[in-house]
N, C-alpha and C. Protein backbone atom coordinates (compact mmCIF):
# COMPACT_ATOMS: atom_id res chain seq x y z
N UNK A 1 -61.29 54.80 76.69
CA UNK A 1 -61.23 54.48 75.26
C UNK A 1 -59.67 54.89 74.85
N UNK A 2 -58.67 54.51 73.82
CA UNK A 2 -57.98 54.56 73.29
C UNK A 2 -57.82 55.62 71.84
N UNK A 3 -56.87 55.79 71.21
CA UNK A 3 -56.97 56.74 70.13
C UNK A 3 -56.92 55.41 69.06
N UNK A 4 -57.71 55.27 68.20
CA UNK A 4 -56.85 54.81 66.59
C UNK A 4 -55.95 55.10 65.80
N UNK A 5 -54.97 54.07 65.91
CA UNK A 5 -53.91 54.50 65.03
C UNK A 5 -53.78 53.73 63.71
N UNK A 6 -53.26 53.94 63.33
CA UNK A 6 -52.94 53.40 62.00
C UNK A 6 -51.26 53.68 61.37
N UNK A 7 -50.62 52.45 61.01
CA UNK A 7 -49.18 52.73 60.07
C UNK A 7 -49.14 52.66 59.12
N UNK A 8 -48.66 53.54 58.10
CA UNK A 8 -48.30 53.22 57.00
C UNK A 8 -47.55 52.14 56.42
N UNK A 9 -47.66 51.10 55.51
CA UNK A 9 -46.79 50.03 55.15
C UNK A 9 -46.77 50.02 53.70
N UNK A 10 -47.42 50.48 53.45
CA UNK A 10 -47.30 50.69 51.82
C UNK A 10 -47.73 51.52 51.35
N UNK A 11 -47.20 52.41 49.93
CA UNK A 11 -47.02 53.71 49.59
C UNK A 11 -46.33 53.74 48.51
N UNK A 12 -47.21 54.91 47.22
CA UNK A 12 -46.06 55.08 46.19
C UNK A 12 -45.18 55.84 46.35
N UNK A 13 -44.31 56.13 44.85
CA UNK A 13 -43.42 56.83 45.47
C UNK A 13 -43.50 58.05 45.81
N UNK A 14 -44.36 58.79 45.69
CA UNK A 14 -44.81 59.75 46.28
C UNK A 14 -44.78 60.07 47.57
N UNK A 15 -45.38 58.94 48.20
CA UNK A 15 -45.57 59.35 49.45
C UNK A 15 -44.25 58.05 50.32
N UNK A 16 -43.35 57.52 50.08
CA UNK A 16 -42.40 56.50 50.48
C UNK A 16 -41.57 56.83 51.60
N UNK A 17 -41.47 58.80 51.79
CA UNK A 17 -40.99 58.56 53.11
C UNK A 17 -41.71 58.41 54.07
N UNK A 18 -43.08 58.51 53.76
CA UNK A 18 -43.73 58.07 55.38
C UNK A 18 -44.30 56.45 55.40
N UNK A 19 -43.36 55.80 54.87
CA UNK A 19 -43.49 54.38 55.20
C UNK A 19 -43.17 54.09 56.90
N UNK A 20 -43.82 53.16 57.47
CA UNK A 20 -43.63 52.96 58.98
C UNK A 20 -43.73 53.90 59.95
N UNK A 21 -44.60 55.55 59.21
CA UNK A 21 -44.70 56.33 60.00
C UNK A 21 -46.10 55.99 60.79
N UNK A 22 -46.66 56.03 61.96
CA UNK A 22 -47.99 56.12 62.44
C UNK A 22 -48.88 57.49 62.72
N UNK A 23 -50.03 57.33 62.30
CA UNK A 23 -50.92 58.28 62.23
C UNK A 23 -52.06 57.95 63.40
N UNK A 24 -52.42 59.30 64.18
CA UNK A 24 -53.80 59.38 65.14
C UNK A 24 -55.19 59.70 64.14
N UNK A 25 -55.88 59.11 64.71
CA UNK A 25 -56.82 59.10 63.71
C UNK A 25 -58.14 60.70 64.79
N UNK A 26 -58.16 61.72 63.70
CA UNK A 26 -58.64 62.95 64.46
C UNK A 26 -60.44 62.90 64.32
N UNK A 27 -60.64 62.24 63.48
CA UNK A 27 -62.35 62.49 62.72
C UNK A 27 -61.86 61.47 61.46
N UNK A 28 -63.26 61.02 61.53
CA UNK A 28 -63.97 60.24 60.65
C UNK A 28 -65.21 61.13 59.71
N UNK A 29 -65.55 60.35 58.32
CA UNK A 29 -66.52 61.20 57.69
C UNK A 29 -66.82 60.51 56.68
N UNK A 30 -68.16 60.88 55.59
CA UNK A 30 -68.24 60.40 54.70
C UNK A 30 -68.39 61.30 52.96
N UNK A 31 -67.68 60.96 52.06
CA UNK A 31 -67.54 61.72 51.34
C UNK A 31 -68.79 61.69 50.27
N UNK A 32 -69.09 62.10 49.70
CA UNK A 32 -70.19 62.44 48.74
C UNK A 32 -70.82 61.28 48.00
N UNK A 33 -69.77 60.24 47.57
CA UNK A 33 -69.55 59.22 46.91
C UNK A 33 -69.45 58.30 47.92
N UNK A 34 -69.52 58.23 49.17
CA UNK A 34 -69.86 56.96 50.09
C UNK A 34 -68.66 56.43 50.48
N UNK A 35 -67.84 56.86 50.13
CA UNK A 35 -66.00 56.59 50.96
C UNK A 35 -65.88 57.29 52.29
N UNK A 36 -65.43 56.60 53.11
CA UNK A 36 -64.72 57.10 54.09
C UNK A 36 -63.43 58.05 54.18
N UNK A 37 -63.43 58.93 55.19
CA UNK A 37 -62.55 59.94 55.20
C UNK A 37 -62.20 59.62 56.41
N UNK A 38 -60.72 59.36 56.61
CA UNK A 38 -60.24 59.55 58.14
C UNK A 38 -59.02 61.25 57.82
N UNK A 39 -59.30 62.09 59.34
CA UNK A 39 -58.03 63.23 59.28
C UNK A 39 -57.45 62.65 59.80
N UNK A 40 -56.24 62.42 59.92
CA UNK A 40 -55.10 61.56 60.84
C UNK A 40 -54.41 62.72 60.67
N UNK A 41 -53.58 63.07 62.21
CA UNK A 41 -52.30 63.76 62.52
C UNK A 41 -51.33 63.29 63.19
N UNK A 42 -50.02 62.98 62.70
CA UNK A 42 -48.75 62.70 63.86
C UNK A 42 -47.91 63.83 64.07
N UNK A 43 -46.53 63.85 64.46
CA UNK A 43 -46.11 64.85 64.42
C UNK A 43 -45.70 65.98 63.51
N UNK A 44 -46.05 65.21 62.14
CA UNK A 44 -45.34 66.22 61.07
C UNK A 44 -46.13 67.28 60.95
N UNK A 45 -47.81 66.84 60.82
CA UNK A 45 -48.97 67.40 60.44
C UNK A 45 -49.81 66.99 60.23
N UNK A 46 -50.99 66.82 59.50
CA UNK A 46 -52.19 67.08 59.35
C UNK A 46 -52.75 66.36 57.72
N UNK A 47 -53.08 64.70 57.79
CA UNK A 47 -53.14 64.55 56.83
C UNK A 47 -54.71 63.85 56.06
N UNK A 48 -55.38 63.60 55.08
CA UNK A 48 -56.32 63.10 55.04
C UNK A 48 -56.13 61.50 54.40
N UNK A 49 -57.12 60.83 54.02
CA UNK A 49 -56.94 59.02 53.43
C UNK A 49 -58.12 59.11 53.52
N UNK A 50 -58.61 58.67 52.35
CA UNK A 50 -59.85 58.48 51.22
C UNK A 50 -59.55 56.94 51.47
N UNK A 51 -60.59 56.16 51.86
CA UNK A 51 -60.60 55.05 51.86
C UNK A 51 -60.99 54.05 50.96
N UNK A 52 -60.70 53.19 50.05
CA UNK A 52 -61.32 52.90 48.62
C UNK A 52 -61.32 51.21 48.85
N UNK A 53 -60.83 50.18 50.01
CA UNK A 53 -60.78 48.89 49.99
C UNK A 53 -60.02 48.52 51.54
N UNK A 54 -60.89 48.00 51.93
CA UNK A 54 -60.58 46.76 53.05
C UNK A 54 -60.28 45.66 52.94
N UNK A 55 -59.08 45.70 53.32
CA UNK A 55 -58.38 44.05 53.13
C UNK A 55 -58.05 43.45 54.76
N UNK A 56 -58.58 41.99 54.87
CA UNK A 56 -58.35 41.51 56.44
C UNK A 56 -57.44 40.35 56.47
N UNK A 57 -56.98 39.82 57.14
CA UNK A 57 -56.13 39.02 57.03
C UNK A 57 -55.74 38.32 58.86
N UNK A 58 -55.49 37.32 58.68
CA UNK A 58 -55.50 36.98 60.20
C UNK A 58 -55.16 37.36 61.98
N UNK A 59 -53.47 38.33 60.93
CA UNK A 59 -53.05 38.95 61.51
C UNK A 59 -53.45 40.43 61.51
N UNK A 60 -54.05 41.18 61.03
CA UNK A 60 -54.74 43.12 60.99
C UNK A 60 -55.32 43.35 59.60
N UNK A 61 -55.84 44.45 59.66
CA UNK A 61 -56.84 44.49 58.42
C UNK A 61 -56.09 45.99 58.16
N UNK A 62 -56.27 45.88 57.12
CA UNK A 62 -55.59 47.11 55.99
C UNK A 62 -56.28 47.71 55.46
N UNK A 63 -56.41 49.22 54.96
CA UNK A 63 -56.71 49.99 54.62
C UNK A 63 -55.85 50.19 52.94
N UNK A 64 -56.95 50.40 52.11
CA UNK A 64 -56.27 51.05 50.83
C UNK A 64 -57.19 52.15 50.39
N UNK A 65 -55.92 53.18 49.89
CA UNK A 65 -56.52 54.04 49.70
C UNK A 65 -55.91 55.47 48.87
N UNK A 66 -56.22 56.56 49.27
CA UNK A 66 -55.57 57.83 49.18
C UNK A 66 -55.33 58.73 50.13
N UNK A 67 -53.78 59.13 50.21
CA UNK A 67 -53.34 59.92 51.45
C UNK A 67 -52.73 60.92 51.09
N UNK A 68 -53.10 62.08 51.92
CA UNK A 68 -52.75 63.51 51.07
C UNK A 68 -52.77 64.31 52.32
N UNK A 69 -51.70 64.80 52.07
CA UNK A 69 -51.13 66.28 52.82
C UNK A 69 -51.83 67.36 52.81
N UNK A 70 -52.46 67.24 52.31
CA UNK A 70 -53.34 69.11 51.84
C UNK A 70 -52.50 69.65 51.40
N UNK A 71 -51.36 69.17 50.80
CA UNK A 71 -51.25 70.05 50.11
C UNK A 71 -50.42 69.94 48.24
N UNK A 72 -50.06 69.51 48.07
CA UNK A 72 -49.15 69.02 46.92
C UNK A 72 -49.56 67.59 47.00
N UNK A 73 -49.25 66.66 47.89
CA UNK A 73 -48.64 65.43 47.79
C UNK A 73 -49.75 64.52 47.69
N UNK A 74 -50.33 63.87 47.26
CA UNK A 74 -51.38 62.91 47.33
C UNK A 74 -50.84 61.44 46.49
N UNK A 75 -50.79 60.31 47.50
CA UNK A 75 -50.39 59.36 46.36
C UNK A 75 -51.55 58.25 47.42
N UNK A 76 -51.18 57.14 46.74
CA UNK A 76 -51.74 55.54 47.10
C UNK A 76 -50.90 55.17 48.14
N UNK A 77 -51.85 54.56 49.01
CA UNK A 77 -51.52 54.02 50.42
C UNK A 77 -52.13 53.18 51.25
N UNK A 78 -51.27 51.97 52.55
CA UNK A 78 -51.63 51.09 53.12
C UNK A 78 -51.86 51.06 53.75
N UNK A 79 -52.95 51.70 54.75
CA UNK A 79 -52.46 51.77 56.26
C UNK A 79 -52.77 50.67 56.94
N UNK A 80 -52.38 49.69 57.71
CA UNK A 80 -52.55 49.31 58.67
C UNK A 80 -53.06 49.44 60.17
N UNK A 81 -54.45 48.98 60.26
CA UNK A 81 -54.40 49.12 61.43
C UNK A 81 -54.39 48.48 62.68
N UNK A 82 -54.07 49.20 63.64
CA UNK A 82 -52.67 48.91 65.11
C UNK A 82 -53.85 48.94 66.40
N UNK A 83 -54.44 47.56 66.36
CA UNK A 83 -55.35 47.83 67.47
C UNK A 83 -54.60 47.58 68.64
N UNK A 84 -55.11 47.48 70.15
CA UNK A 84 -54.65 47.42 71.35
C UNK A 84 -54.34 45.67 71.66
N UNK A 85 -53.73 45.38 72.21
CA UNK A 85 -53.45 43.90 72.00
C UNK A 85 -53.81 43.08 73.32
N UNK A 86 -54.47 42.45 73.82
CA UNK A 86 -54.58 41.67 74.47
C UNK A 86 -54.16 39.97 75.22
N UNK A 87 -54.01 39.80 75.97
CA UNK A 87 -53.90 38.26 76.34
C UNK A 87 -54.78 37.22 76.13
N UNK A 88 -54.14 36.18 75.88
CA UNK A 88 -54.77 35.09 75.81
C UNK A 88 -56.11 34.78 77.13
N UNK A 89 -55.47 35.52 78.19
CA UNK A 89 -56.18 35.04 79.53
C UNK A 89 -57.59 35.94 79.22
N UNK A 90 -57.30 37.30 79.17
CA UNK A 90 -58.33 38.35 78.79
C UNK A 90 -59.24 37.77 77.71
N UNK A 91 -58.91 37.30 76.77
CA UNK A 91 -59.50 37.11 75.75
C UNK A 91 -60.62 35.80 76.28
N UNK A 92 -60.19 34.90 76.63
CA UNK A 92 -60.82 33.97 77.73
C UNK A 92 -61.79 34.88 78.69
N UNK A 93 -61.46 35.60 79.51
CA UNK A 93 -62.33 36.28 80.14
C UNK A 93 -62.97 36.92 79.61
N UNK A 94 -63.14 37.89 78.77
CA UNK A 94 -64.56 38.36 78.10
C UNK A 94 -64.82 37.43 77.42
N UNK A 95 -65.29 36.40 76.68
CA UNK A 95 -65.61 35.67 76.31
C UNK A 95 -66.62 34.79 77.25
N UNK A 96 -66.41 34.56 78.60
CA UNK A 96 -67.18 33.83 79.40
C UNK A 96 -68.68 34.54 79.34
């Protein structure tokens, strides 16, 4: 099984430098308020993402919430889930 990858597709002014940056999920937990918290990592460091809302479209799943670099930078971001893609023949085979 591969890694779960998210890509920043929306961000406020504080996080605009992270647009189009991909993150690997390191861990997932629940906060005291019930929010899902993801610990994320990329080549620039470790980040925390608190999910506030999940939206689905026919093409993708989007997570909206707060992204933090663990320091002074916290902002609103939208992450896109990047799934492994499989071809139509593989889908047909899996649904038999």
